Amino acid sequence: MKRLAILILTLTSINASAQQNYWQQEVHYTIDVKLNVADKSINGFEQLEYINHSPDTLTYIWFHLWPNAYKNNSTALYNQYKEGDKAGLSKFKKADKGYIDSLNFKINDQSIKVEADKENIDIVKLILPQPLLPGNKINITTPFYVKFPTYFSRSGFIDDAFAVCQWYPKPAVYDRKGWHPMPYLNMGEYYSEFGSFNVNITVPSNYIVAATGSLQTEDELQKLKAAGKVNKTRTKDFERYTVNTSTPTKTLQYKAENVHDFAWFTDNDFIVQYDTLALASGKIVDAFTFFTNNANTQWSNSVDHVEDAVRNYSKWIGEYPYPTVNAVEGPGNVSSGGMEYPMVTLITSPSADKETLDAVITHEVGHNWFYGILGSNERLHAWMDEGLNTFFQFRYEAEKYRSNSVFGNSLPAELKQRGPSEFLGIVYNALNELPMNEAIETASEKFKTKDEYGMVVYLKTAIWAYLLEQGLGSEVFEKAIHTYYDKWKFRHPYPEDFKQVLEEVSGKNLDAYFELLKQRSKL
């Protein structure tokens, strides 16, 4: 008994020490960028403060130049399309190409050596003029020019509208497992350092912008809120944003804290909806949606969907920490129904009916938790954001509509009469009969096709989370999820960190459940 007590005390001390010794790098961006509508491009200047919280001395920093993924047919993006996505490959070949250039990196105002990656033109290595010691920081600056591709993956232009994503030079993550430089892929997402953004965006005066962060330009903010409040109660004849015609351009300032990415979307034809929502703590969040004025649009209730998503995820996982949340209507995308970024998401499901649109908005807004706040490595462990998020999306659909976006209208009417728990049990049993012959714990780039990626990363993980919830019991599972959120928000958790929290809260050994992540057959 004495030995057991000593062992428990030792393990507890090790876990506490691991938490105390945790570190992550910190970055603070100031970016000035101007949109060139006719040229389909942006000119920018980036200042970046990089703080080394690691115990290691750094002699270089890997940087991502992801707009170069669209440059030619030698990129990792092109090769991924070629190997498993015919529709995507066709779009790539037909599209106007994109790239980033006009770079001139300096560190503390000193010119530096930049080494190209041997395999990927969207990765470079910045050689530091002096070693960066633990606890020290440096200032990195560079101008940059981005030529947008035709929109077909995540960033690009659609006529005179722009989705500006993965657009600025950004450092790769350096964490306890080393450096994580990675090329841009369509099937496979990101991993970036937490910090802050101060971004000044110059656009034509008649353009409306939706972006990560809080809009600091008060006159613009009040115009958006005024039009958005009116449109909240309308299904047609929407109020238009008031354009200031006295100047050809305007500069809008956005600030964001505790985020690891920044995206923005702009169009001269956006309709805006606006509302506020109160969370259980009393915190007030500004909710905006931006959409085009199409006939019979399903977006007339869009801000309600955003609010419902934020309320439910705050209740189920942990309170939404940011001051604003935004959803933006985009064009159809052969790859996905939407794409998430901190505080703002692009919804690319133009033909969706009301329930489907609600589900897609909820899924993408939900990524503020799984990816945005809990900043796992999406490329290596895609299930930690996409799969866990899908689990909560399915709960949302079941409780609100007795529906499931996988089965759609094929669900029998009798099933919709069941309670949400029974409904979900039947849905998950049916999902587990679908062919999913790859392991959940598979790196994104290892999947052969986007269909296989979607089935395993999204659906199979949701089934796994459901089995875990059933094994632990709903109350223990929910407590564990809240604890995971509280311990790891604004940090970089790995699967072993998630497992540790689950075991601490439940008091159970969960090796068997986590071994299921490696199982290629059905669960």
Protein backbone atom coordinates (compact mmCIF):
# COMPACT_ATOMS: atom_id res chain seq x y z
CA MET A 1 0.00 0.00 0.00
CA LYS A 2 2.88 2.33 0.86
CA ARG A 3 4.52 1.60 -2.50
CA LEU A 4 1.25 2.35 -4.31
CA ALA A 5 0.94 5.68 -2.50
CA ILE A 6 4.51 6.59 -3.44
CA LEU A 7 3.85 5.64 -7.09
CA ILE A 8 0.69 7.76 -7.23
CA LEU A 9 2.52 10.70 -5.64
CA THR A 10 5.39 10.32 -8.13
CA LEU A 11 3.06 10.24 -11.15
CA THR A 12 1.16 13.26 -9.84
CA SER A 13 4.43 15.16 -9.42
CA ILE A 14 5.53 14.24 -12.96
CA ASN A 15 2.21 15.48 -14.42
CA ALA A 16 2.40 18.71 -12.42
CA SER A 17 5.98 19.24 -13.53
CA ALA A 18 5.04 18.67 -17.18
CA GLN A 19 2.38 21.37 -16.90
CA GLN A 20 4.79 23.78 -15.20
CA ASN A 21 7.53 23.16 -17.77
CA TYR A 22 5.23 23.65 -20.74
CA TRP A 23 6.30 26.42 -23.09
CA GLN A 24 5.33 27.79 -26.48
CA GLN A 25 6.63 30.52 -28.72
CA GLU A 26 4.88 33.90 -28.97
CA VAL A 27 4.40 36.15 -31.99
CA HIS A 28 2.98 39.65 -32.39
CA TYR A 29 2.15 40.90 -35.88
CA THR A 30 1.67 44.42 -37.21
CA ILE A 31 0.65 44.29 -40.88
CA ASP A 32 -0.29 47.06 -43.31
CA VAL A 33 -1.90 45.78 -46.49
CA LYS A 34 -3.58 47.37 -49.51
CA LEU A 35 -5.93 45.61 -51.91
CA ASN A 36 -5.47 46.18 -55.64
CA VAL A 37 -8.81 45.15 -57.15
CA ALA A 38 -7.89 45.47 -60.83
CA ASP A 39 -4.59 43.64 -60.41
CA LYS A 40 -6.09 40.98 -58.09
CA SER A 41 -3.27 41.48 -55.63
CA ILE A 42 -2.17 43.00 -52.35
CA ASN A 43 0.89 44.97 -51.28
CA GLY A 44 1.87 44.63 -47.65
CA PHE A 45 4.45 45.28 -44.99
CA GLU A 46 4.83 43.00 -41.99
CA GLN A 47 6.51 43.62 -38.65
CA LEU A 48 6.75 40.59 -36.40
CA GLU A 49 7.99 40.32 -32.83
CA TYR A 50 9.12 36.74 -32.19
CA ILE A 51 9.68 35.72 -28.56
CA ASN A 52 11.67 32.59 -27.78
CA HIS A 53 10.09 30.96 -24.73
CA SER A 54 11.80 27.64 -25.46
CA PRO A 55 14.77 26.36 -23.44
CA ASP A 56 16.74 26.20 -26.70
CA THR A 57 18.98 28.67 -28.50
CA LEU A 58 17.70 29.20 -32.05
CA THR A 59 19.97 29.85 -35.01
CA TYR A 60 17.22 29.89 -37.66
CA ILE A 61 13.43 30.16 -38.03
CA TRP A 62 11.39 28.31 -40.63
CA PHE A 63 8.85 30.51 -42.44
CA HIS A 64 5.79 29.67 -44.51
CA LEU A 65 5.17 31.54 -47.78
CA TRP A 66 1.96 29.69 -48.54
CA PRO A 67 0.72 31.88 -51.45
CA ASN A 68 3.47 30.17 -53.48
CA ALA A 69 1.49 26.93 -53.28
CA TYR A 70 -0.58 28.30 -56.19
CA LYS A 71 2.42 29.23 -58.32
CA ASN A 72 3.02 26.23 -60.61
CA ASN A 73 2.70 22.48 -61.06
CA SER A 74 5.71 21.62 -58.90
CA THR A 75 4.12 22.48 -55.55
CA ALA A 76 2.89 20.08 -52.89
CA LEU A 77 -0.63 21.44 -53.47
CA TYR A 78 -0.54 20.55 -57.16
CA ASN A 79 0.88 17.09 -56.44
CA GLN A 80 -1.82 16.37 -53.88
CA TYR A 81 -4.51 17.25 -56.41
CA LYS A 82 -2.78 15.11 -59.03
CA GLU A 83 -2.62 12.09 -56.76
CA GLY A 84 -6.17 12.00 -55.44
CA ASP A 85 -8.51 14.82 -56.48
CA LYS A 86 -9.42 15.06 -60.16
CA ALA A 87 -11.92 17.88 -59.66
CA GLY A 88 -9.37 19.90 -57.72
CA LEU A 89 -6.67 19.21 -60.30
CA SER A 90 -8.94 20.45 -63.08
CA LYS A 91 -9.60 23.68 -61.16
CA PHE A 92 -5.90 24.17 -60.49
CA LYS A 93 -5.00 23.78 -64.16
CA LYS A 94 -7.68 26.25 -65.31
CA ALA A 95 -7.08 28.84 -62.59
CA ASP A 96 -5.05 32.01 -62.76
CA LYS A 97 -1.97 31.24 -60.69
CA GLY A 98 -0.89 33.01 -57.52
CA TYR A 99 2.34 33.68 -55.65
CA ILE A 100 4.15 35.84 -53.11
CA ASP A 101 7.27 37.89 -53.88
CA SER A 102 9.00 41.27 -53.25
CA LEU A 103 10.23 39.92 -49.91
CA ASN A 104 13.16 41.50 -48.09
CA PHE A 105 13.51 39.96 -44.65
CA LYS A 106 15.39 41.88 -41.98
CA ILE A 107 15.96 41.06 -38.33
CA ASN A 108 16.39 44.01 -35.98
CA ASP A 109 16.92 46.15 -39.12
CA GLN A 110 19.75 43.90 -40.28
CA SER A 111 19.65 42.12 -43.66
CA ILE A 112 19.78 38.36 -43.33
CA LYS A 113 20.38 35.21 -45.33
CA VAL A 114 17.28 33.31 -46.49
CA GLU A 115 17.58 29.70 -47.60
CA ALA A 116 14.99 28.09 -49.86
CA ASP A 117 13.61 24.73 -48.84
CA LYS A 118 14.93 21.96 -51.09
CA GLU A 119 11.48 20.55 -51.88
CA ASN A 120 8.81 23.21 -51.32
CA ILE A 121 8.78 26.73 -52.75
CA ASP A 122 6.34 27.83 -50.06
CA ILE A 123 8.86 27.22 -47.23
CA VAL A 124 12.06 29.16 -46.45
CA LYS A 125 14.57 29.25 -43.61
CA LEU A 126 15.59 32.58 -42.07
CA ILE A 127 19.19 32.38 -40.83
CA LEU A 128 19.50 34.52 -37.71
CA PRO A 129 22.42 36.99 -37.66
CA GLN A 130 22.91 36.20 -33.97
CA PRO A 131 21.61 33.21 -32.00
CA LEU A 132 18.26 33.82 -30.29
CA LEU A 133 18.71 32.86 -26.65
CA PRO A 134 15.93 31.50 -24.42
CA GLY A 135 13.74 34.34 -23.14
CA ASN A 136 14.93 36.79 -25.81
CA LYS A 137 13.03 38.30 -28.73
CA ILE A 138 13.73 39.65 -32.20
CA ASN A 139 11.90 41.90 -34.65
CA ILE A 140 11.41 40.55 -38.16
CA THR A 141 10.24 42.80 -41.00
CA THR A 142 9.55 42.37 -44.68
CA PRO A 143 7.53 43.93 -47.48
CA PHE A 144 5.53 41.48 -49.58
CA TYR A 145 3.37 41.32 -52.69
CA VAL A 146 0.73 38.64 -53.22
CA LYS A 147 -0.86 37.86 -56.57
CA PHE A 148 -4.14 36.06 -55.97
CA PRO A 149 -5.12 32.91 -57.84
CA THR A 150 -8.61 32.29 -59.08
CA TYR A 151 -10.46 30.98 -56.04
CA PHE A 152 -10.44 27.18 -55.94
CA SER A 153 -8.81 26.16 -52.66
CA ARG A 154 -8.95 28.66 -49.80
CA SER A 155 -7.46 31.96 -50.95
CA GLY A 156 -8.20 33.83 -54.15
CA PHE A 157 -10.55 36.07 -56.10
CA ILE A 158 -14.05 35.52 -57.46
CA ASP A 159 -14.75 38.33 -59.94
CA ASP A 160 -14.14 41.40 -57.75
CA ALA A 161 -14.58 39.62 -54.40
CA PHE A 162 -11.61 38.31 -52.41
CA ALA A 163 -10.92 35.58 -49.87
CA VAL A 164 -7.60 36.52 -48.29
CA CYS A 165 -6.35 33.47 -46.40
CA GLN A 166 -2.85 32.20 -45.58
CA TRP A 167 -1.60 35.36 -47.22
CA TYR A 168 1.25 36.75 -45.11
CA PRO A 169 4.70 35.34 -44.27
CA LYS A 170 4.40 33.40 -41.02
CA PRO A 171 6.83 31.42 -38.88
CA ALA A 172 6.38 27.68 -38.53
CA VAL A 173 5.66 26.35 -35.06
CA TYR A 174 8.57 25.42 -32.84
CA ASP A 175 7.32 23.34 -29.91
CA ARG A 176 8.47 20.58 -27.54
CA LYS A 177 8.66 18.19 -30.52
CA GLY A 178 10.77 20.49 -32.67
CA TRP A 179 10.16 22.52 -35.82
CA HIS A 180 7.03 21.98 -37.94
CA PRO A 181 7.59 23.49 -41.40
CA MET A 182 4.95 22.23 -43.81
CA PRO A 183 3.84 23.04 -47.36
CA TYR A 184 0.34 24.32 -47.98
CA LEU A 185 -2.12 21.55 -48.87
CA ASN A 186 -5.80 21.50 -49.67
CA MET A 187 -6.41 18.23 -47.81
CA GLY A 188 -4.60 19.06 -44.60
CA GLU A 189 -4.72 22.24 -42.59
CA TYR A 190 -2.46 24.30 -40.37
CA TYR A 191 -0.38 24.70 -37.24
CA SER A 192 0.65 28.22 -36.22
CA GLU A 193 1.96 30.16 -33.23
CA PHE A 194 -0.34 32.06 -30.85
CA GLY A 195 0.01 35.79 -30.41
CA SER A 196 -1.65 39.02 -31.47
CA PHE A 197 -2.46 40.87 -34.68
CA ASN A 198 -2.73 44.57 -35.44
CA VAL A 199 -3.74 44.75 -39.11
CA ASN A 200 -4.53 47.82 -41.21
CA ILE A 201 -6.43 46.94 -44.40
CA THR A 202 -6.85 49.49 -47.20
CA VAL A 203 -9.67 48.77 -49.66
CA PRO A 204 -11.88 50.79 -52.03
CA SER A 205 -14.44 52.86 -50.12
CA ASN A 206 -17.38 50.81 -51.42
CA TYR A 207 -15.95 47.50 -50.18
CA ILE A 208 -17.07 45.77 -47.00
CA VAL A 209 -14.57 43.71 -45.00
CA ALA A 210 -15.11 40.76 -42.65
CA ALA A 211 -12.00 39.76 -40.73
CA THR A 212 -10.40 38.11 -37.75
CA GLY A 213 -10.39 40.45 -34.77
CA SER A 214 -12.32 43.48 -33.60
CA LEU A 215 -12.80 46.40 -35.96
CA GLN A 216 -11.18 49.46 -34.38
CA THR A 217 -12.37 51.98 -37.00
CA GLU A 218 -15.39 53.31 -35.13
CA ASP A 219 -17.20 55.04 -38.01
CA GLU A 220 -17.06 51.88 -40.11
CA LEU A 221 -18.15 49.71 -37.19
CA GLN A 222 -21.22 51.85 -36.51
CA LYS A 223 -22.23 51.75 -40.19
CA LEU A 224 -22.02 47.95 -40.21
CA LYS A 225 -23.98 47.66 -36.99
CA ALA A 226 -26.67 50.08 -38.16
CA ALA A 227 -27.30 48.25 -41.43
CA GLY A 228 -26.89 44.88 -39.72
CA LYS A 229 -29.51 45.57 -37.06
CA VAL A 230 -32.09 46.47 -39.70
CA ASN A 231 -31.29 43.37 -41.75
CA LYS A 232 -31.59 41.09 -38.71
CA THR A 233 -35.38 41.30 -39.03
CA ARG A 234 -35.63 41.20 -42.85
CA THR A 235 -35.81 38.38 -45.38
CA LYS A 236 -35.63 40.67 -48.42
CA ASP A 237 -35.16 44.35 -49.32
CA PHE A 238 -32.03 44.40 -47.19
CA GLU A 239 -30.51 47.66 -45.95
CA ARG A 240 -27.37 48.62 -47.81
CA TYR A 241 -24.16 49.78 -46.21
CA THR A 242 -23.66 53.57 -46.55
CA VAL A 243 -20.66 54.32 -48.75
CA ASN A 244 -18.45 57.33 -48.10
CA THR A 245 -17.82 58.69 -51.60
CA SER A 246 -15.52 61.52 -50.50
CA THR A 247 -12.41 59.31 -50.71
CA PRO A 248 -11.56 56.49 -53.13
CA THR A 249 -10.17 54.21 -50.42
CA LYS A 250 -10.47 53.61 -46.70
CA THR A 251 -8.17 51.99 -44.14
CA LEU A 252 -9.71 49.71 -41.54
CA GLN A 253 -7.88 48.60 -38.40
CA TYR A 254 -8.43 45.19 -36.80
CA LYS A 255 -6.94 43.87 -33.58
CA ALA A 256 -6.95 40.32 -32.23
CA GLU A 257 -5.43 38.70 -29.13
CA ASN A 258 -4.73 35.04 -28.38
CA VAL A 259 -5.07 33.87 -31.98
CA HIS A 260 -2.75 32.05 -34.35
CA ASP A 261 -4.05 33.19 -37.72
CA PHE A 262 -5.68 36.14 -39.47
CA ALA A 263 -7.99 36.00 -42.51
CA TRP A 264 -10.17 38.57 -44.21
CA PHE A 265 -12.85 38.64 -46.88
CA THR A 266 -14.01 41.61 -48.89
CA ASP A 267 -16.67 42.36 -51.49
CA ASN A 268 -18.54 45.41 -52.75
CA ASP A 269 -21.86 43.54 -52.62
CA PHE A 270 -22.10 42.19 -49.06
CA ILE A 271 -25.31 42.39 -47.06
CA VAL A 272 -24.64 42.57 -43.31
CA GLN A 273 -26.61 41.15 -40.40
CA TYR A 274 -25.74 42.07 -36.83
CA ASP A 275 -26.87 41.10 -33.36
CA THR A 276 -25.45 40.68 -29.88
CA LEU A 277 -25.60 37.54 -27.80
CA ALA A 278 -25.24 37.15 -24.06
CA LEU A 279 -23.37 34.15 -22.69
CA ALA A 280 -24.18 32.49 -19.37
CA SER A 281 -21.56 34.60 -17.59
CA GLY A 282 -23.18 37.79 -18.87
CA LYS A 283 -20.46 38.40 -21.45
CA ILE A 284 -21.75 40.12 -24.61
CA VAL A 285 -20.45 39.04 -28.03
CA ASP A 286 -20.97 40.90 -31.32
CA ALA A 287 -22.23 38.56 -34.06
CA PHE A 288 -22.02 39.50 -37.75
CA THR A 289 -22.85 37.67 -40.95
CA PHE A 290 -21.95 38.83 -44.46
CA PHE A 291 -23.72 37.47 -47.52
CA THR A 292 -24.70 38.36 -51.07
CA ASN A 293 -28.21 39.43 -51.98
CA ASN A 294 -29.30 36.40 -53.97
CA ALA A 295 -32.94 35.59 -54.64
CA ASN A 296 -34.39 33.14 -52.08
CA THR A 297 -31.29 33.37 -49.93
CA GLN A 298 -31.17 31.07 -46.90
CA TRP A 299 -28.94 33.57 -45.10
CA SER A 300 -31.79 35.69 -43.71
CA ASN A 301 -31.51 33.66 -40.46
CA SER A 302 -27.75 33.34 -40.57
CA VAL A 303 -26.90 35.47 -37.56
CA ASP A 304 -29.29 33.34 -35.47
CA HIS A 305 -27.34 30.24 -36.50
CA VAL A 306 -24.07 31.88 -35.46
CA GLU A 307 -25.52 32.84 -32.08
CA ASP A 308 -26.92 29.36 -31.43
CA ALA A 309 -23.55 27.81 -32.26
CA VAL A 310 -21.65 30.11 -29.91
CA ARG A 311 -24.12 29.59 -27.04
CA ASN A 312 -24.12 25.81 -27.32
CA TYR A 313 -20.37 25.35 -27.74
CA SER A 314 -19.80 27.74 -24.83
CA LYS A 315 -22.09 25.57 -22.70
CA TRP A 316 -20.68 22.22 -23.85
CA ILE A 317 -16.94 23.04 -23.99
CA GLY A 318 -16.06 26.41 -22.47
CA GLU A 319 -17.00 30.06 -22.82
CA TYR A 320 -16.24 31.79 -26.12
CA PRO A 321 -13.33 34.11 -25.24
CA TYR A 322 -13.39 36.59 -28.12
CA PRO A 323 -15.42 39.82 -28.45
CA THR A 324 -16.82 39.11 -31.91
CA VAL A 325 -17.77 36.24 -34.23
CA ASN A 326 -18.35 36.40 -37.99
CA ALA A 327 -19.62 34.13 -40.78
CA VAL A 328 -19.22 34.98 -44.48
CA GLU A 329 -20.98 33.54 -47.52
CA GLY A 330 -18.56 32.43 -50.21
CA PRO A 331 -18.80 30.62 -53.55
CA GLY A 332 -19.18 26.88 -53.97
CA ASN A 333 -16.05 24.86 -53.27
CA VAL A 334 -15.36 21.35 -54.57
CA SER A 335 -13.31 20.60 -51.46
CA SER A 336 -15.48 21.60 -48.50
CA GLY A 337 -18.59 23.31 -47.23
CA GLY A 338 -16.63 25.98 -45.40
CA MET A 339 -13.31 27.03 -43.94
CA GLU A 340 -12.55 28.32 -40.47
CA TYR A 341 -10.30 31.05 -39.14
CA PRO A 342 -10.20 32.71 -35.71
CA MET A 343 -13.38 34.75 -35.20
CA VAL A 344 -14.35 34.51 -38.88
CA THR A 345 -15.41 31.66 -41.13
CA LEU A 346 -16.13 31.32 -44.85
CA ILE A 347 -19.19 29.23 -45.76
CA THR A 348 -18.95 27.71 -49.24
CA SER A 349 -22.31 25.92 -49.47
CA PRO A 350 -24.44 28.13 -51.74
CA SER A 351 -27.12 25.48 -52.42
CA ALA A 352 -27.67 24.51 -48.77
CA ASP A 353 -31.17 24.48 -47.32
CA LYS A 354 -31.87 26.06 -43.92
CA GLU A 355 -30.93 23.07 -41.74
CA THR A 356 -27.83 22.25 -43.77
CA LEU A 357 -26.66 25.87 -43.72
CA ASP A 358 -27.17 25.96 -39.96
CA ALA A 359 -25.09 22.79 -39.60
CA VAL A 360 -22.26 24.12 -41.78
CA ILE A 361 -22.18 27.47 -39.98
CA THR A 362 -22.18 25.66 -36.64
CA HIS A 363 -19.35 23.37 -37.69
CA GLU A 364 -17.19 26.25 -38.91
CA VAL A 365 -17.98 28.51 -35.95
CA GLY A 366 -17.24 25.49 -33.74
CA HIS A 367 -13.70 25.48 -35.05
CA ASN A 368 -13.09 28.54 -32.90
CA TRP A 369 -12.84 25.95 -30.11
CA PHE A 370 -11.26 23.00 -31.93
CA TYR A 371 -8.40 24.63 -33.86
CA GLY A 372 -8.75 28.27 -32.82
CA ILE A 373 -8.57 28.08 -29.02
CA LEU A 374 -7.30 24.51 -28.67
CA GLY A 375 -4.48 24.92 -31.18
CA SER A 376 -3.56 21.34 -32.04
CA ASN A 377 -1.41 20.34 -35.00
CA GLU A 378 -4.10 19.91 -37.66
CA ARG A 379 -1.73 18.43 -40.22
CA LEU A 380 -0.54 15.57 -37.99
CA HIS A 381 -3.63 15.05 -35.84
CA ALA A 382 -6.57 16.27 -37.90
CA TRP A 383 -9.03 14.32 -35.76
CA MET A 384 -8.33 16.59 -32.79
CA ASP A 385 -10.06 19.49 -34.49
CA GLU A 386 -12.21 18.17 -37.35
CA GLY A 387 -13.39 15.00 -35.65
CA LEU A 388 -14.09 16.35 -32.18
CA ASN A 389 -15.80 19.35 -33.75
CA THR A 390 -17.98 17.05 -35.87
CA PHE A 391 -19.03 15.19 -32.71
CA PHE A 392 -20.39 18.43 -31.24
CA GLN A 393 -21.91 19.47 -34.57
CA PHE A 394 -23.86 16.19 -34.64
CA ARG A 395 -25.08 16.86 -31.10
CA TYR A 396 -26.23 20.32 -32.19
CA GLU A 397 -28.13 18.92 -35.19
CA ALA A 398 -29.74 16.18 -33.11
CA GLU A 399 -30.91 18.46 -30.31
CA LYS A 400 -32.14 21.26 -32.56
CA TYR A 401 -33.59 19.43 -35.57
CA ARG A 402 -33.36 15.63 -34.98
CA SER A 403 -31.31 15.65 -38.17
CA ASN A 404 -27.86 14.62 -39.32
CA SER A 405 -26.04 16.23 -42.24
CA VAL A 406 -24.58 12.90 -43.41
CA PHE A 407 -27.97 11.25 -43.94
CA GLY A 408 -29.96 14.39 -44.79
CA ASN A 409 -33.50 13.73 -45.98
CA SER A 410 -33.04 9.95 -45.97
CA LEU A 411 -33.74 9.72 -42.23
CA PRO A 412 -37.17 8.12 -41.60
CA ALA A 413 -39.84 10.33 -40.06
CA GLU A 414 -40.26 7.88 -37.18
CA LEU A 415 -36.64 8.40 -36.13
CA LYS A 416 -37.19 12.14 -35.82
CA GLN A 417 -39.77 11.43 -33.09
CA ARG A 418 -37.11 9.94 -30.78
CA GLY A 419 -35.35 11.88 -28.05
CA PRO A 420 -31.92 13.33 -28.91
CA SER A 421 -29.94 10.65 -27.04
CA GLU A 422 -31.76 7.76 -28.66
CA PHE A 423 -31.64 9.52 -32.02
CA LEU A 424 -27.87 9.95 -31.78
CA GLY A 425 -27.35 6.33 -30.75
CA ILE A 426 -29.15 5.10 -33.86
CA VAL A 427 -27.30 7.58 -36.10
CA TYR A 428 -23.90 6.55 -34.74
CA ASN A 429 -24.69 2.86 -35.16
CA ALA A 430 -25.58 3.55 -38.79
CA LEU A 431 -22.45 5.67 -39.33
CA ASN A 432 -20.27 2.87 -38.00
CA GLU A 433 -21.46 0.62 -40.83
CA LEU A 434 -19.96 2.94 -43.45
CA PRO A 435 -16.65 1.82 -45.00
CA MET A 436 -13.82 3.62 -43.17
CA ASN A 437 -10.73 1.49 -43.60
CA GLU A 438 -8.02 3.85 -42.42
CA ALA A 439 -6.90 4.72 -38.91
CA ILE A 440 -8.11 7.93 -37.29
CA GLU A 441 -4.56 8.71 -36.19
CA THR A 442 -3.27 9.27 -39.73
CA ALA A 443 -1.49 12.41 -40.92
CA SER A 444 -3.59 14.42 -43.38
CA GLU A 445 -1.23 14.03 -46.33
CA LYS A 446 -1.26 10.23 -45.96
CA PHE A 447 -4.90 9.87 -47.00
CA LYS A 448 -5.32 8.78 -50.60
CA THR A 449 -8.48 10.77 -51.43
CA LYS A 450 -10.51 13.61 -49.96
CA ASP A 451 -13.45 11.21 -49.50
CA GLU A 452 -11.34 8.87 -47.38
CA TYR A 453 -10.02 11.86 -45.44
CA GLY A 454 -13.54 13.12 -44.78
CA MET A 455 -14.96 9.75 -43.76
CA VAL A 456 -12.18 8.93 -41.32
CA VAL A 457 -11.14 12.30 -39.89
CA TYR A 458 -14.68 13.64 -39.48
CA LEU A 459 -17.05 10.69 -39.14
CA LYS A 460 -14.93 7.92 -37.65
CA THR A 461 -13.57 10.31 -35.02
CA ALA A 462 -17.09 11.43 -34.13
CA ILE A 463 -18.02 7.76 -33.64
CA TRP A 464 -14.93 7.31 -31.45
CA ALA A 465 -15.87 10.34 -29.33
CA TYR A 466 -19.41 8.97 -28.97
CA LEU A 467 -18.06 5.60 -27.77
CA LEU A 468 -15.80 7.44 -25.33
CA GLU A 469 -18.73 9.47 -24.01
CA GLN A 470 -20.80 6.31 -23.56
CA GLY A 471 -17.92 4.61 -21.76
CA LEU A 472 -17.25 7.48 -19.36
CA GLY A 473 -20.83 8.64 -18.94
CA SER A 474 -22.15 11.98 -20.18
CA GLU A 475 -21.45 13.92 -16.97
CA VAL A 476 -17.85 12.74 -16.64
CA PHE A 477 -17.22 13.25 -20.36
CA GLU A 478 -18.57 16.80 -20.26
CA LYS A 479 -16.49 17.60 -17.17
CA ALA A 480 -13.41 16.23 -18.93
CA ILE A 481 -14.06 18.34 -22.04
CA HIS A 482 -14.43 21.47 -19.90
CA THR A 483 -11.23 20.61 -18.04
CA TYR A 484 -9.39 20.02 -21.31
CA TYR A 485 -10.56 23.42 -22.54
CA ASP A 486 -9.54 25.18 -19.32
CA LYS A 487 -6.08 23.58 -19.23
CA TRP A 488 -5.21 23.87 -22.91
CA LYS A 489 -6.93 26.97 -24.29
CA PHE A 490 -4.53 29.18 -26.27
CA ARG A 491 -1.99 26.34 -26.20
CA HIS A 492 -0.83 23.45 -28.40
CA PRO A 493 -2.22 20.15 -27.07
CA TYR A 494 -1.18 16.76 -28.44
CA PRO A 495 -3.20 13.52 -28.23
CA GLU A 496 -1.34 12.49 -25.08
CA ASP A 497 -2.40 15.75 -23.41
CA PHE A 498 -6.04 15.12 -24.25
CA LYS A 499 -5.72 11.55 -22.94
CA GLN A 500 -4.09 12.72 -19.72
CA VAL A 501 -6.96 15.11 -18.96
CA LEU A 502 -9.58 12.46 -19.70
CA GLU A 503 -7.84 9.99 -17.40
CA GLU A 504 -7.36 12.52 -14.61
CA VAL A 505 -11.03 13.51 -14.63
CA SER A 506 -12.47 10.01 -15.09
CA GLY A 507 -9.98 8.14 -12.90
CA LYS A 508 -9.81 5.46 -15.60
CA ASN A 509 -7.08 4.02 -17.78
CA LEU A 510 -8.11 4.86 -21.34
CA ASP A 511 -5.40 3.01 -23.24
CA ALA A 512 -7.99 0.83 -24.97
CA TYR A 513 -9.93 3.83 -26.30
CA PHE A 514 -6.80 5.54 -27.60
CA GLU A 515 -5.63 2.31 -29.24
CA LEU A 516 -8.85 2.52 -31.28
CA LEU A 517 -7.40 5.62 -32.95
CA LYS A 518 -4.93 3.29 -34.69
CA GLN A 519 -7.58 0.78 -35.80
CA ARG A 520 -8.10 0.59 -39.55
CA SER A 521 -11.36 -1.36 -39.43
CA LYS A 522 -14.66 -0.10 -38.05
CA LEU A 523 -14.75 0.74 -34.34
